[in-house]
Structure formats: C-alpha cells, structure tokens
C-alpha cells in the first residue's frame, strides 16, 4: 500500500501552480472590471464569488462543493431532453 505524502510535501509541490491559477483568476476579474464590470446579479459571477468564499474555508470537500456550484440540477427526464 503506498504511503500518502506529507501535507507539507503536497503544499510545496503544488504551491506555485496554485498561486499562478489564483493570479490568473484575479487578472481575469480585473480585466472584466476595467471593461465596465458585470451586473451584480450575473449568475456566473455569483458562482465565481461563491467559489472564492468556499476556497477560504477549511471544509474537506471544497472541490466537490465548487463542482456542484457549477453543475446543472439533476433532471429525472434527462434522457428525454435530447
């Protein structure tokens, strides 16, 4: 059975990539603001803001919660929707 890496090793390995992705997101939002911004009631902007708030928590399932924010609700008739 493989041994799980230490949290500090994972953090050290992933830090620069995470930092780059966060800066990229911030830069995108800055460009949107400089272009006049989006209305506060834009549902996609709301998803991004809610995702950022989730990132700031210590919840163990942040990735799953964020994925659900961007997922469509389940439809019982999904096979008929084609």
PDB file of N, CA and C in Angstrom:
ATOM      1  N   UNK A   1       0.850  -1.172   0.000  1.00  0.00           N
ATOM      2  CA  UNK A   1       0.000   0.000   0.000  1.00  0.00           C
ATOM      3  C   UNK A   1       0.901   1.243   0.000  1.00  0.00           C
ATOM      4  N   UNK A   2       0.673   2.169  -0.959  1.00  0.00           N
ATOM      5  CA  UNK A   2       1.504   3.371  -0.998  1.00  0.00           C
ATOM      6  C   UNK A   2       1.270   4.257   0.220  1.00  0.00           C
ATOM      7  N   UNK A   3       2.323   4.923   0.602  1.00  0.00           N
ATOM      8  CA  UNK A   3       2.242   5.847   1.740  1.00  0.00           C
ATOM      9  C   UNK A   3       1.838   7.219   1.214  1.00  0.00           C
ATOM     10  N   UNK A   4       0.846   7.825   1.855  1.00  0.00           N
ATOM     11  CA  UNK A   4       0.382   9.157   1.460  1.00  0.00           C
ATOM     12  C   UNK A   4       1.476  10.176   1.750  1.00  0.00           C
ATOM     13  N   UNK A   5       1.680  11.105   0.827  1.00  0.00           N
ATOM     14  CA  UNK A   5       2.707  12.126   1.078  1.00  0.00           C
ATOM     15  C   UNK A   5       2.288  13.051   2.218  1.00  0.00           C
ATOM     16  N   UNK A   6       3.271  13.631   2.849  1.00  0.00           N
ATOM     17  CA  UNK A   6       3.003  14.595   3.926  1.00  0.00           C
ATOM     18  C   UNK A   6       2.356  15.842   3.342  1.00  0.00           C
ATOM     19  N   UNK A   7       1.493  16.477   4.124  1.00  0.00           N
ATOM     20  CA  UNK A   7       0.802  17.692   3.679  1.00  0.00           C
ATOM     21  C   UNK A   7       1.795  18.760   3.238  1.00  0.00           C
ATOM     22  N   UNK A   8       2.896  18.894   3.957  1.00  0.00           N
ATOM     23  CA  UNK A   8       3.885  19.912   3.592  1.00  0.00           C
ATOM     24  C   UNK A   8       4.525  19.599   2.244  1.00  0.00           C
ATOM     25  N   UNK A   9       4.709  18.314   1.936  1.00  0.00           N
ATOM     26  CA  UNK A   9       5.264  17.942   0.627  1.00  0.00           C
ATOM     27  C   UNK A   9       4.279  18.272  -0.499  1.00  0.00           C
ATOM     28  N   UNK A  10       3.006  17.981  -0.271  1.00  0.00           N
ATOM     29  CA  UNK A  10       1.974  18.305  -1.268  1.00  0.00           C
ATOM     30  C   UNK A  10       1.932  19.817  -1.473  1.00  0.00           C
ATOM     31  N   UNK A  11       1.939  20.555  -0.375  1.00  0.00           N
ATOM     32  CA  UNK A  11       1.880  22.019  -0.455  1.00  0.00           C
ATOM     33  C   UNK A  11       3.087  22.570  -1.216  1.00  0.00           C
ATOM     34  N   UNK A  12       4.271  22.091  -0.863  1.00  0.00           N
ATOM     35  CA  UNK A  12       5.479  22.565  -1.546  1.00  0.00           C
ATOM     36  C   UNK A  12       5.431  22.269  -3.038  1.00  0.00           C
ATOM     37  N   UNK A  13       4.970  21.093  -3.393  1.00  0.00           N
ATOM     38  CA  UNK A  13       4.909  20.690  -4.795  1.00  0.00           C
ATOM     39  C   UNK A  13       3.878  21.498  -5.578  1.00  0.00           C
ATOM     40  N   UNK A  14       2.745  21.818  -4.974  1.00  0.00           N
ATOM     41  CA  UNK A  14       1.626  22.442  -5.675  1.00  0.00           C
ATOM     42  C   UNK A  14       1.565  23.966  -5.564  1.00  0.00           C
ATOM     43  N   UNK A  15       2.323  24.549  -4.648  1.00  0.00           N
ATOM     44  CA  UNK A  15       2.172  25.964  -4.328  1.00  0.00           C
ATOM     45  C   UNK A  15       2.260  26.876  -5.546  1.00  0.00           C
ATOM     46  N   UNK A  16       3.306  26.740  -6.345  1.00  0.00           N
ATOM     47  CA  UNK A  16       3.493  27.670  -7.459  1.00  0.00           C
ATOM     48  C   UNK A  16       2.361  27.554  -8.491  1.00  0.00           C
ATOM     49  N   UNK A  17       1.880  26.342  -8.738  1.00  0.00           N
ATOM     50  CA  UNK A  17       0.771  26.176  -9.672  1.00  0.00           C
ATOM     51  C   UNK A  17      -0.521  26.786  -9.146  1.00  0.00           C
ATOM     52  N   UNK A  18      -0.791  26.581  -7.871  1.00  0.00           N
ATOM     53  CA  UNK A  18      -1.985  27.176  -7.253  1.00  0.00           C
ATOM     54  C   UNK A  18      -1.888  28.693  -7.287  1.00  0.00           C
ATOM     55  N   UNK A  19      -0.728  29.203  -6.928  1.00  0.00           N
ATOM     56  CA  UNK A  19      -0.501  30.655  -6.952  1.00  0.00           C
ATOM     57  C   UNK A  19      -0.746  31.215  -8.345  1.00  0.00           C
ATOM     58  N   UNK A  20      -0.232  30.546  -9.362  1.00  0.00           N
ATOM     59  CA  UNK A  20      -0.403  31.013 -10.742  1.00  0.00           C
ATOM     60  C   UNK A  20      -1.872  31.009 -11.150  1.00  0.00           C
ATOM     61  N   UNK A  21      -2.608  29.971 -10.774  1.00  0.00           N
ATOM     62  CA  UNK A  21      -4.038  29.908 -11.131  1.00  0.00           C
ATOM     63  C   UNK A  21      -4.839  30.992 -10.418  1.00  0.00           C
ATOM     64  N   UNK A  22      -4.517  31.261  -9.155  1.00  0.00           N
ATOM     65  CA  UNK A  22      -5.220  32.320  -8.425  1.00  0.00           C
ATOM     66  C   UNK A  22      -4.927  33.694  -9.031  1.00  0.00           C
ATOM     67  N   UNK A  23      -3.672  33.932  -9.400  1.00  0.00           N
ATOM     68  CA  UNK A  23      -3.331  35.200 -10.040  1.00  0.00           C
ATOM     69  C   UNK A  23      -4.049  35.326 -11.373  1.00  0.00           C
ATOM     70  N   UNK A  24      -4.148  34.237 -12.111  1.00  0.00           N
ATOM     71  CA  UNK A  24      -4.849  34.254 -13.397  1.00  0.00           C
ATOM     72  C   UNK A  24      -6.328  34.604 -13.210  1.00  0.00           C
ATOM     73  N   UNK A  25      -6.958  34.033 -12.199  1.00  0.00           N
ATOM     74  CA  UNK A  25      -8.363  34.343 -11.912  1.00  0.00           C
ATOM     75  C   UNK A  25      -8.508  35.814 -11.529  1.00  0.00           C
ATOM     76  N   UNK A  26      -7.631  36.293 -10.658  1.00  0.00           N
ATOM     77  CA  UNK A  26      -7.685  37.703 -10.252  1.00  0.00           C
ATOM     78  C   UNK A  26      -7.486  38.624 -11.449  1.00  0.00           C
ATOM     79  N   UNK A  27      -6.557  38.275 -12.332  1.00  0.00           N
ATOM     80  CA  UNK A  27      -6.304  39.102 -13.517  1.00  0.00           C
ATOM     81  C   UNK A  27      -7.521  39.127 -14.434  1.00  0.00           C
ATOM     82  N   UNK A  28      -8.180  37.996 -14.593  1.00  0.00           N
ATOM     83  CA  UNK A  28      -9.387  37.943 -15.414  1.00  0.00           C
ATOM     84  C   UNK A  28     -10.475  38.840 -14.834  1.00  0.00           C
ATOM     85  N   UNK A  29     -10.680  38.758 -13.529  1.00  0.00           N
ATOM     86  CA  UNK A  29     -11.691  39.603 -12.892  1.00  0.00           C
ATOM     87  C   UNK A  29     -11.322  41.084 -13.008  1.00  0.00           C
ATOM     88  N   UNK A  30     -10.033  41.395 -12.902  1.00  0.00           N
ATOM     89  CA  UNK A  30      -9.586  42.785 -13.097  1.00  0.00           C
ATOM     90  C   UNK A  30      -9.895  43.267 -14.514  1.00  0.00           C
ATOM     91  N   UNK A  31      -9.645  42.418 -15.515  1.00  0.00           N
ATOM     92  CA  UNK A  31      -9.941  42.812 -16.906  1.00  0.00           C
ATOM     93  C   UNK A  31     -11.436  43.047 -17.101  1.00  0.00           C
ATOM     94  N   UNK A  32     -12.251  42.209 -16.489  1.00  0.00           N
ATOM     95  CA  UNK A  32     -13.706  42.392 -16.580  1.00  0.00           C
ATOM     96  C   UNK A  32     -14.105  43.727 -15.944  1.00  0.00           C
ATOM     97  N   UNK A  33     -13.528  44.029 -14.785  1.00  0.00           N
ATOM     98  CA  UNK A  33     -13.828  45.306 -14.114  1.00  0.00           C
ATOM     99  C   UNK A  33     -13.405  46.498 -14.971  1.00  0.00           C
ATOM    100  N   UNK A  34     -12.210  46.424 -15.566  1.00  0.00           N
ATOM    101  CA  UNK A  34     -11.738  47.525 -16.401  1.00  0.00           C
ATOM    102  C   UNK A  34     -12.592  47.698 -17.661  1.00  0.00           C
ATOM    103  N   UNK A  35     -13.257  46.628 -18.079  1.00  0.00           N
ATOM    104  CA  UNK A  35     -14.120  46.693 -19.264  1.00  0.00           C
ATOM    105  C   UNK A  35     -15.535  47.147 -18.908  1.00  0.00           C
ATOM    106  N   UNK A  36     -15.735  47.554 -17.689  1.00  0.00           N
ATOM    107  CA  UNK A  36     -17.047  48.057 -17.291  1.00  0.00           C
ATOM    108  C   UNK A  36     -17.753  47.186 -16.275  1.00  0.00           C
ATOM    109  N   UNK A  37     -17.226  46.017 -16.011  1.00  0.00           N
ATOM    110  CA  UNK A  37     -17.803  45.150 -14.990  1.00  0.00           C
ATOM    111  C   UNK A  37     -19.076  44.460 -15.433  1.00  0.00           C
ATOM    112  N   UNK A  38     -19.484  43.533 -14.618  1.00  0.00           N
ATOM    113  CA  UNK A  38     -20.718  42.790 -14.841  1.00  0.00           C
ATOM    114  C   UNK A  38     -21.750  43.202 -13.799  1.00  0.00           C
ATOM    115  N   UNK A  39     -23.027  43.072 -14.119  1.00  0.00           N
ATOM    116  CA  UNK A  39     -24.040  43.349 -13.097  1.00  0.00           C
ATOM    117  C   UNK A  39     -23.880  42.386 -11.919  1.00  0.00           C
ATOM    118  N   UNK A  40     -24.153  42.859 -10.732  1.00  0.00           N
ATOM    119  CA  UNK A  40     -24.023  42.025  -9.542  1.00  0.00           C
ATOM    120  C   UNK A  40     -24.938  40.813  -9.567  1.00  0.00           C
ATOM    121  N   UNK A  41     -25.998  40.865 -10.376  1.00  0.00           N
ATOM    122  CA  UNK A  41     -26.932  39.740 -10.408  1.00  0.00           C
ATOM    123  C   UNK A  41     -26.586  38.725 -11.504  1.00  0.00           C
ATOM    124  N   UNK A  42     -25.384  38.807 -12.074  1.00  0.00           N
ATOM    125  CA  UNK A  42     -24.961  37.848 -13.081  1.00  0.00           C
ATOM    126  C   UNK A  42     -24.740  36.498 -12.403  1.00  0.00           C
ATOM    127  N   UNK A  43     -25.456  35.439 -12.805  1.00  0.00           N
ATOM    128  CA  UNK A  43     -25.357  34.160 -12.097  1.00  0.00           C
ATOM    129  C   UNK A  43     -23.969  33.526 -12.186  1.00  0.00           C
ATOM    130  N   UNK A  44     -23.261  33.716 -13.281  1.00  0.00           N
ATOM    131  CA  UNK A  44     -21.915  33.123 -13.384  1.00  0.00           C
ATOM    132  C   UNK A  44     -20.934  33.850 -12.476  1.00  0.00           C
ATOM    133  N   UNK A  45     -21.056  35.170 -12.376  1.00  0.00           N
ATOM    134  CA  UNK A  45     -20.213  35.917 -11.453  1.00  0.00           C
ATOM    135  C   UNK A  45     -20.508  35.494 -10.017  1.00  0.00           C
ATOM    136  N   UNK A  46     -21.780  35.260  -9.729  1.00  0.00           N
ATOM    137  CA  UNK A  46     -22.165  34.780  -8.402  1.00  0.00           C
ATOM    138  C   UNK A  46     -21.520  33.421  -8.118  1.00  0.00           C
ATOM    139  N   UNK A  47     -21.469  32.536  -9.110  1.00  0.00           N
ATOM    140  CA  UNK A  47     -20.816  31.240  -8.929  1.00  0.00           C
ATOM    141  C   UNK A  47     -19.336  31.416  -8.590  1.00  0.00           C
ATOM    142  N   UNK A  48     -18.677  32.323  -9.276  1.00  0.00           N
ATOM    143  CA  UNK A  48     -17.259  32.570  -9.020  1.00  0.00           C
ATOM    144  C   UNK A  48     -17.060  33.126  -7.616  1.00  0.00           C
ATOM    145  N   UNK A  49     -17.896  34.077  -7.228  1.00  0.00           N
ATOM    146  CA  UNK A  49     -17.769  34.654  -5.878  1.00  0.00           C
ATOM    147  C   UNK A  49     -18.030  33.607  -4.800  1.00  0.00           C
ATOM    148  N   UNK A  50     -19.049  32.788  -5.000  1.00  0.00           N
ATOM    149  CA  UNK A  50     -19.345  31.738  -4.021  1.00  0.00           C
ATOM    150  C   UNK A  50     -18.212  30.720  -3.955  1.00  0.00           C
ATOM    151  N   UNK A  51     -17.609  30.427  -5.098  1.00  0.00           N
ATOM    152  CA  UNK A  51     -16.468  29.511  -5.130  1.00  0.00           C
ATOM    153  C   UNK A  51     -15.294  30.079  -4.340  1.00  0.00           C
ATOM    154  N   UNK A  52     -15.032  31.366  -4.515  1.00  0.00           N
ATOM    155  CA  UNK A  52     -13.931  32.002  -3.789  1.00  0.00           C
ATOM    156  C   UNK A  52     -14.169  31.942  -2.280  1.00  0.00           C
ATOM    157  N   UNK A  53     -15.407  32.133  -1.866  1.00  0.00           N
ATOM    158  CA  UNK A  53     -15.714  32.039  -0.432  1.00  0.00           C
ATOM    159  C   UNK A  53     -15.484  30.612   0.067  1.00  0.00           C
ATOM    160  N   UNK A  54     -15.856  29.617  -0.739  1.00  0.00           N
ATOM    161  CA  UNK A  54     -15.629  28.224  -0.346  1.00  0.00           C
ATOM    162  C   UNK A  54     -14.142  27.917  -0.215  1.00  0.00           C
ATOM    163  N   UNK A  55     -13.338  28.487  -1.107  1.00  0.00           N
ATOM    164  CA  UNK A  55     -11.888  28.262  -1.041  1.00  0.00           C
ATOM    165  C   UNK A  55     -11.310  28.735   0.278  1.00  0.00           C
ATOM    166  N   UNK A  56     -11.910  29.754   0.854  1.00  0.00           N
ATOM    167  CA  UNK A  56     -11.391  30.335   2.093  1.00  0.00           C
ATOM    168  C   UNK A  56     -11.778  29.530   3.330  1.00  0.00           C
ATOM    169  N   UNK A  57     -12.541  28.467   3.166  1.00  0.00           N
ATOM    170  CA  UNK A  57     -12.939  27.647   4.309  1.00  0.00           C
ATOM    171  C   UNK A  57     -11.970  26.485   4.497  1.00  0.00           C
ATOM    172  N   UNK A  58     -12.157  25.769   5.586  1.00  0.00           N
ATOM    173  CA  UNK A  58     -11.360  24.569   5.856  1.00  0.00           C
ATOM    174  C   UNK A  58     -12.147  23.296   5.543  1.00  0.00           C
ATOM    175  N   UNK A  59     -13.235  23.420   4.814  1.00  0.00           N
ATOM    176  CA  UNK A  59     -14.061  22.250   4.500  1.00  0.00           C
ATOM    177  C   UNK A  59     -13.231  21.220   3.738  1.00  0.00           C
ATOM    178  N   UNK A  60     -13.356  19.946   4.098  1.00  0.00           N
ATOM    179  CA  UNK A  60     -12.564  18.913   3.423  1.00  0.00           C
ATOM    180  C   UNK A  60     -13.050  18.596   2.010  1.00  0.00           C
ATOM    181  N   UNK A  61     -14.219  19.069   1.668  1.00  0.00           N
ATOM    182  CA  UNK A  61     -14.808  18.723   0.367  1.00  0.00           C
ATOM    183  C   UNK A  61     -15.029  19.954  -0.506  1.00  0.00           C
ATOM    184  N   UNK A  62     -14.094  20.891  -0.442  1.00  0.00           N
ATOM    185  CA  UNK A  62     -14.236  22.127  -1.221  1.00  0.00           C
ATOM    186  C   UNK A  62     -14.387  21.861  -2.710  1.00  0.00           C
ATOM    187  N   UNK A  63     -13.590  20.959  -3.245  1.00  0.00           N
ATOM    188  CA  UNK A  63     -13.649  20.693  -4.694  1.00  0.00           C
ATOM    189  C   UNK A  63     -15.042  20.202  -5.086  1.00  0.00           C
ATOM    190  N   UNK A  64     -15.602  19.294  -4.311  1.00  0.00           N
ATOM    191  CA  UNK A  64     -16.942  18.779  -4.613  1.00  0.00           C
ATOM    192  C   UNK A  64     -17.989  19.882  -4.498  1.00  0.00           C
ATOM    193  N   UNK A  65     -17.873  20.724  -3.484  1.00  0.00           N
ATOM    194  CA  UNK A  65     -18.850  21.810  -3.319  1.00  0.00           C
ATOM    195  C   UNK A  65     -18.768  22.806  -4.477  1.00  0.00           C
ATOM    196  N   UNK A  66     -17.553  23.129  -4.904  1.00  0.00           N
ATOM    197  CA  UNK A  66     -17.399  24.056  -6.020  1.00  0.00           C
ATOM    198  C   UNK A  66     -17.912  23.423  -7.307  1.00  0.00           C
ATOM    199  N   UNK A  67     -17.623  22.150  -7.504  1.00  0.00           N
ATOM    200  CA  UNK A  67     -18.150  21.454  -8.687  1.00  0.00           C
ATOM    201  C   UNK A  67     -19.671  21.526  -8.715  1.00  0.00           C
ATOM    202  N   UNK A  68     -20.298  21.361  -7.570  1.00  0.00           N
ATOM    203  CA  UNK A  68     -21.759  21.418  -7.514  1.00  0.00           C
ATOM    204  C   UNK A  68     -22.277  22.822  -7.824  1.00  0.00           C
ATOM    205  N   UNK A  69     -21.528  23.858  -7.456  1.00  0.00           N
ATOM    206  CA  UNK A  69     -21.944  25.225  -7.779  1.00  0.00           C
ATOM    207  C   UNK A  69     -22.057  25.439  -9.288  1.00  0.00           C
ATOM    208  N   UNK A  70     -21.186  24.763 -10.043  1.00  0.00           N
ATOM    209  CA  UNK A  70     -21.155  24.949 -11.488  1.00  0.00           C
ATOM    210  C   UNK A  70     -21.942  23.872 -12.239  1.00  0.00           C
ATOM    211  N   UNK A  71     -22.565  22.950 -11.514  1.00  0.00           N
ATOM    212  CA  UNK A  71     -23.318  21.858 -12.136  1.00  0.00           C
ATOM    213  C   UNK A  71     -24.781  22.227 -12.310  1.00  0.00           C
ATOM    214  N   UNK A  72     -25.355  21.677 -13.342  1.00  0.00           N
ATOM    215  CA  UNK A  72     -26.794  21.845 -13.541  1.00  0.00           C
ATOM    216  C   UNK A  72     -27.537  20.940 -12.577  1.00  0.00           C
ATOM    217  N   UNK A  73     -28.724  21.336 -12.161  1.00  0.00           N
ATOM    218  CA  UNK A  73     -29.501  20.461 -11.280  1.00  0.00           C
ATOM    219  C   UNK A  73     -29.876  19.173 -12.010  1.00  0.00           C
ATOM    220  N   UNK A  74     -29.985  18.110 -11.263  1.00  0.00           N
ATOM    221  CA  UNK A  74     -30.360  16.821 -11.839  1.00  0.00           C
ATOM    222  C   UNK A  74     -31.797  16.879 -12.343  1.00  0.00           C
ATOM    223  N   UNK A  75     -31.993  16.304 -13.503  1.00  0.00           N
ATOM    224  CA  UNK A  75     -33.342  16.225 -14.079  1.00  0.00           C
ATOM    225  C   UNK A  75     -33.702  14.764 -14.291  1.00  0.00           C
ATOM    226  N   UNK A  76     -34.853  14.352 -13.757  1.00  0.00           N
ATOM    227  CA  UNK A  76     -35.288  12.965 -13.923  1.00  0.00           C
ATOM    228  C   UNK A  76     -35.491  12.613 -15.398  1.00  0.00           C
ATOM    229  N   UNK A  77     -35.839  13.608 -16.190  1.00  0.00           N
ATOM    230  CA  UNK A  77     -36.127  13.353 -17.601  1.00  0.00           C
ATOM    231  C   UNK A  77     -34.928  13.687 -18.490  1.00  0.00           C
ATOM    232  N   UNK A  78     -33.711  13.557 -17.983  1.00  0.00           N
ATOM    233  CA  UNK A  78     -32.530  13.969 -18.745  1.00  0.00           C
ATOM    234  C   UNK A  78     -32.384  13.215 -20.064  1.00  0.00           C
ATOM    235  N   UNK A  79     -32.848  11.983 -20.112  1.00  0.00           N
ATOM    236  CA  UNK A  79     -32.721  11.222 -21.355  1.00  0.00           C
ATOM    237  C   UNK A  79     -33.686  11.749 -22.438  1.00  0.00           C
ATOM    238  N   UNK A  80     -34.777  12.324 -22.012  1.00  0.00           N
ATOM    239  CA  UNK A  80     -35.765  12.857 -22.962  1.00  0.00           C
ATOM    240  C   UNK A  80     -35.397  14.259 -23.429  1.00  0.00           C
ATOM    241  N   UNK A  81     -34.465  14.902 -22.754  1.00  0.00           N
ATOM    242  CA  UNK A  81     -34.139  16.293 -23.050  1.00  0.00           C
ATOM    243  C   UNK A  81     -33.307  16.441 -24.346  1.00  0.00           C
ATOM    244  N   UNK A  82     -32.944  15.367 -24.949  1.00  0.00           N
ATOM    245  CA  UNK A  82     -32.111  15.439 -26.167  1.00  0.00           C
ATOM    246  C   UNK A  82     -32.873  15.956 -27.305  1.00  0.00           C
TER     247      UNK A  82
END
